[in-house]
N, C-alpha and C. Protein backbone atom coordinates (compact mmCIF):
# COMPACT_ATOMS: atom_id res chain seq x y z
N MET A 1 225.14 31.74 33.18
CA MET A 1 226.45 31.12 33.19
C MET A 1 226.79 30.73 31.75
N THR A 2 227.99 31.04 31.32
CA THR A 2 228.40 30.72 29.94
C THR A 2 229.30 29.49 29.95
N ALA A 3 229.29 28.81 28.82
CA ALA A 3 230.13 27.62 28.66
C ALA A 3 231.59 28.04 28.53
N PRO A 4 232.48 27.22 29.08
CA PRO A 4 233.90 27.58 28.95
C PRO A 4 234.33 27.55 27.49
N ALA A 5 235.25 28.41 27.17
CA ALA A 5 235.75 28.48 25.80
C ALA A 5 236.54 27.22 25.49
N PRO A 6 236.41 26.70 24.26
CA PRO A 6 237.18 25.50 23.91
C PRO A 6 238.68 25.80 23.94
N SER A 7 239.42 24.81 24.37
CA SER A 7 240.87 25.00 24.43
C SER A 7 241.43 25.07 23.02
N PRO A 8 242.44 25.89 22.82
CA PRO A 8 243.02 25.99 21.48
C PRO A 8 243.67 24.67 21.08
N ARG A 9 243.58 24.37 19.80
CA ARG A 9 244.16 23.12 19.29
C ARG A 9 245.68 23.19 19.38
N PHE A 10 246.27 22.09 19.78
CA PHE A 10 247.73 22.03 19.88
C PHE A 10 248.33 22.17 18.49
N SER A 11 249.30 23.04 18.36
CA SER A 11 249.92 23.28 17.06
C SER A 11 251.43 23.26 17.21
N LEU A 12 252.07 22.58 16.29
CA LEU A 12 253.53 22.53 16.28
C LEU A 12 254.09 23.78 15.62
N PRO A 13 255.27 24.20 16.04
CA PRO A 13 255.93 25.29 15.33
C PRO A 13 256.22 24.87 13.89
N TRP A 14 256.35 25.82 12.98
CA TRP A 14 256.50 25.53 11.56
C TRP A 14 257.69 24.63 11.27
N HIS A 15 258.82 24.83 11.96
CA HIS A 15 260.00 24.02 11.66
C HIS A 15 259.81 22.56 12.09
N LEU A 16 259.05 22.34 13.17
CA LEU A 16 258.77 20.96 13.57
C LEU A 16 257.77 20.30 12.62
N ARG A 17 256.83 21.09 12.09
CA ARG A 17 255.92 20.54 11.10
C ARG A 17 256.66 20.10 9.84
N ILE A 18 257.63 20.90 9.42
CA ILE A 18 258.44 20.55 8.24
C ILE A 18 259.22 19.27 8.51
N LEU A 19 259.83 19.18 9.69
CA LEU A 19 260.57 17.97 10.04
C LEU A 19 259.65 16.75 10.08
N TYR A 20 258.44 16.92 10.59
CA TYR A 20 257.49 15.82 10.63
C TYR A 20 257.12 15.36 9.23
N VAL A 21 256.87 16.29 8.34
CA VAL A 21 256.53 15.94 6.95
C VAL A 21 257.71 15.24 6.29
N LEU A 22 258.92 15.75 6.49
CA LEU A 22 260.10 15.11 5.91
C LEU A 22 260.30 13.69 6.46
N TYR A 23 260.10 13.51 7.76
CA TYR A 23 260.22 12.20 8.37
C TYR A 23 259.19 11.24 7.78
N THR A 24 257.96 11.70 7.64
CA THR A 24 256.90 10.86 7.08
C THR A 24 257.22 10.47 5.64
N LEU A 25 257.68 11.42 4.84
CA LEU A 25 258.04 11.12 3.46
C LEU A 25 259.19 10.12 3.40
N LEU A 26 260.20 10.34 4.24
CA LEU A 26 261.35 9.44 4.27
C LEU A 26 260.91 8.03 4.67
N TRP A 27 260.02 7.91 5.64
CA TRP A 27 259.51 6.61 6.06
C TRP A 27 258.84 5.90 4.90
N HIS A 28 257.99 6.61 4.16
CA HIS A 28 257.27 5.99 3.04
C HIS A 28 258.21 5.62 1.90
N VAL A 29 259.26 6.39 1.70
CA VAL A 29 260.21 6.09 0.63
C VAL A 29 261.08 4.89 1.01
N LEU A 30 261.51 4.83 2.27
CA LEU A 30 262.44 3.78 2.69
C LEU A 30 261.75 2.46 3.07
N LEU A 31 260.46 2.48 3.35
CA LEU A 31 259.78 1.26 3.76
C LEU A 31 259.93 0.12 2.76
N PRO A 32 259.78 0.34 1.44
CA PRO A 32 260.00 -0.78 0.51
C PRO A 32 261.41 -1.34 0.58
N LEU A 33 262.40 -0.50 0.84
CA LEU A 33 263.78 -1.00 0.97
C LEU A 33 263.94 -1.84 2.23
N VAL A 34 263.30 -1.44 3.30
CA VAL A 34 263.35 -2.21 4.54
C VAL A 34 262.68 -3.57 4.34
N LEU A 35 261.53 -3.56 3.67
CA LEU A 35 260.84 -4.82 3.39
C LEU A 35 261.68 -5.73 2.50
N LEU A 36 262.35 -5.16 1.52
CA LEU A 36 263.24 -5.95 0.66
C LEU A 36 264.39 -6.54 1.47
N TYR A 37 264.94 -5.75 2.37
CA TYR A 37 266.01 -6.26 3.24
C TYR A 37 265.52 -7.44 4.07
N PHE A 38 264.32 -7.30 4.68
CA PHE A 38 263.76 -8.40 5.47
C PHE A 38 263.55 -9.64 4.61
N TRP A 39 263.04 -9.44 3.40
CA TRP A 39 262.76 -10.57 2.51
C TRP A 39 264.05 -11.29 2.14
N ARG A 40 265.09 -10.53 1.79
CA ARG A 40 266.36 -11.15 1.40
C ARG A 40 267.02 -11.85 2.58
N LYS A 41 266.95 -11.23 3.76
CA LYS A 41 267.51 -11.88 4.94
C LYS A 41 266.75 -13.17 5.25
N GLY A 42 265.45 -13.17 5.02
CA GLY A 42 264.64 -14.36 5.21
C GLY A 42 265.02 -15.47 4.24
N GLY A 43 265.53 -15.11 3.06
CA GLY A 43 265.99 -16.11 2.10
C GLY A 43 267.25 -16.81 2.59
N ARG A 44 268.09 -16.06 3.28
CA ARG A 44 269.33 -16.64 3.83
C ARG A 44 269.05 -17.41 5.12
N GLU A 45 268.10 -16.91 5.91
CA GLU A 45 267.75 -17.53 7.18
C GLU A 45 266.24 -17.81 7.20
N PRO A 46 265.82 -19.01 6.82
CA PRO A 46 264.39 -19.30 6.68
C PRO A 46 263.55 -19.03 7.93
N LEU A 47 264.07 -19.22 9.10
CA LEU A 47 263.29 -18.97 10.31
C LEU A 47 263.03 -17.48 10.52
N TYR A 48 263.80 -16.64 9.87
CA TYR A 48 263.61 -15.19 9.99
C TYR A 48 262.24 -14.77 9.47
N ARG A 49 261.77 -15.43 8.41
CA ARG A 49 260.48 -15.09 7.81
C ARG A 49 259.30 -15.61 8.64
N ALA A 50 259.55 -16.56 9.52
CA ALA A 50 258.47 -17.17 10.28
C ALA A 50 257.77 -16.16 11.19
N HIS A 51 258.48 -15.16 11.67
CA HIS A 51 257.92 -14.18 12.60
C HIS A 51 258.01 -12.76 12.06
N TRP A 52 257.88 -12.64 10.74
CA TRP A 52 258.02 -11.36 10.08
C TRP A 52 256.95 -10.37 10.53
N ALA A 53 255.73 -10.82 10.68
CA ALA A 53 254.64 -9.92 11.05
C ALA A 53 254.86 -9.30 12.43
N GLU A 54 255.54 -10.04 13.31
CA GLU A 54 255.79 -9.53 14.65
C GLU A 54 256.69 -8.30 14.64
N ARG A 55 257.50 -8.15 13.61
CA ARG A 55 258.36 -6.98 13.51
C ARG A 55 257.57 -5.71 13.30
N PHE A 56 256.31 -5.87 12.86
CA PHE A 56 255.45 -4.73 12.62
C PHE A 56 254.28 -4.68 13.60
N GLY A 57 254.42 -5.37 14.74
CA GLY A 57 253.42 -5.30 15.79
C GLY A 57 252.22 -6.21 15.61
N ARG A 58 252.28 -7.14 14.68
CA ARG A 58 251.17 -8.09 14.49
C ARG A 58 251.40 -9.30 15.39
N THR A 59 250.32 -9.85 15.88
CA THR A 59 250.43 -11.02 16.74
C THR A 59 249.36 -12.03 16.33
N PRO A 60 249.62 -13.30 16.50
CA PRO A 60 248.58 -14.29 16.18
C PRO A 60 247.32 -14.05 17.01
N ALA A 61 246.17 -14.40 16.48
CA ALA A 61 244.89 -14.15 17.15
C ALA A 61 244.83 -14.84 18.51
N ARG A 62 245.47 -16.00 18.64
CA ARG A 62 245.40 -16.72 19.91
C ARG A 62 246.08 -15.96 21.04
N LEU A 63 246.96 -15.04 20.71
CA LEU A 63 247.65 -14.26 21.74
C LEU A 63 246.97 -12.94 22.04
N ALA A 64 245.90 -12.63 21.32
CA ALA A 64 245.27 -11.32 21.46
C ALA A 64 244.28 -11.26 22.62
N ASP A 65 243.99 -12.37 23.29
CA ASP A 65 243.02 -12.35 24.38
C ASP A 65 243.48 -11.48 25.55
N ARG A 66 244.68 -11.75 26.04
CA ARG A 66 245.22 -11.02 27.18
C ARG A 66 246.68 -10.64 26.90
N PRO A 67 246.89 -9.71 25.99
CA PRO A 67 248.27 -9.41 25.63
C PRO A 67 249.00 -8.62 26.71
N ILE A 68 250.25 -8.92 26.86
CA ILE A 68 251.17 -8.14 27.68
C ILE A 68 252.38 -7.88 26.81
N TRP A 69 252.67 -6.63 26.57
CA TRP A 69 253.79 -6.27 25.71
C TRP A 69 254.99 -5.89 26.58
N LEU A 70 256.11 -6.51 26.30
CA LEU A 70 257.36 -6.18 26.96
C LEU A 70 258.35 -5.77 25.88
N HIS A 71 259.10 -4.73 26.15
CA HIS A 71 260.08 -4.26 25.18
C HIS A 71 261.45 -4.19 25.83
N SER A 72 262.43 -4.76 25.17
CA SER A 72 263.82 -4.69 25.63
C SER A 72 264.64 -4.09 24.52
N ALA A 73 265.40 -3.07 24.85
CA ALA A 73 266.17 -2.36 23.84
C ALA A 73 267.57 -2.94 23.66
N SER A 74 267.98 -3.79 24.56
CA SER A 74 269.33 -4.34 24.45
C SER A 74 269.33 -5.77 25.02
N MET A 75 270.41 -6.47 24.78
CA MET A 75 270.51 -7.83 25.31
C MET A 75 270.53 -7.83 26.84
N GLY A 76 271.13 -6.82 27.43
CA GLY A 76 271.14 -6.72 28.88
C GLY A 76 269.74 -6.59 29.44
N GLU A 77 268.93 -5.74 28.80
CA GLU A 77 267.54 -5.59 29.25
C GLU A 77 266.76 -6.88 29.01
N LEU A 78 267.05 -7.56 27.91
CA LEU A 78 266.36 -8.82 27.63
C LEU A 78 266.69 -9.85 28.69
N ARG A 79 267.94 -9.95 29.06
CA ARG A 79 268.33 -10.90 30.10
C ARG A 79 267.72 -10.50 31.45
N GLY A 80 267.64 -9.20 31.69
CA GLY A 80 267.05 -8.73 32.94
C GLY A 80 265.55 -9.00 33.01
N ALA A 81 264.89 -9.00 31.86
CA ALA A 81 263.44 -9.22 31.82
C ALA A 81 263.07 -10.69 31.81
N ALA A 82 264.03 -11.58 31.60
CA ALA A 82 263.73 -13.01 31.50
C ALA A 82 263.00 -13.56 32.72
N PRO A 83 263.39 -13.24 33.96
CA PRO A 83 262.63 -13.75 35.11
C PRO A 83 261.18 -13.25 35.13
N LEU A 84 260.97 -12.00 34.71
CA LEU A 84 259.61 -11.47 34.65
C LEU A 84 258.80 -12.24 33.61
N VAL A 85 259.37 -12.51 32.47
CA VAL A 85 258.67 -13.25 31.41
C VAL A 85 258.32 -14.65 31.91
N ARG A 86 259.28 -15.32 32.57
CA ARG A 86 259.01 -16.66 33.09
C ARG A 86 257.86 -16.63 34.11
N ALA A 87 257.86 -15.62 34.97
CA ALA A 87 256.80 -15.52 35.99
C ALA A 87 255.46 -15.27 35.33
N LEU A 88 255.41 -14.41 34.33
CA LEU A 88 254.15 -14.14 33.63
C LEU A 88 253.64 -15.38 32.90
N LEU A 89 254.55 -16.11 32.28
CA LEU A 89 254.16 -17.35 31.59
C LEU A 89 253.65 -18.38 32.59
N ALA A 90 254.26 -18.46 33.76
CA ALA A 90 253.84 -19.41 34.78
C ALA A 90 252.42 -19.09 35.28
N GLU A 91 252.04 -17.80 35.25
CA GLU A 91 250.71 -17.39 35.69
C GLU A 91 249.68 -17.53 34.57
N GLY A 92 250.12 -17.97 33.40
CA GLY A 92 249.17 -18.20 32.31
C GLY A 92 249.01 -17.04 31.34
N HIS A 93 249.87 -16.07 31.41
CA HIS A 93 249.80 -14.94 30.47
C HIS A 93 250.48 -15.30 29.16
């Protein structure tokens, strides 16, 4: 009995690879501008800087024990998720 042949590695078409490289380069070029924007906005609104790390997915260590991530893309979704958040907080999450 022979071993099954390894599956071929997933490969993107050349045009998607080019787009991926361009996207990655654009992200690295624009990131300092985004950080500067956040910094300047934090100067105008001091509380904005208090939770700056959360904008990049960082959370305080005390919250890392049992994290539950909820994402709302709009104010309507945020309002719709509020009862769920309250229920999770009431259960100690």
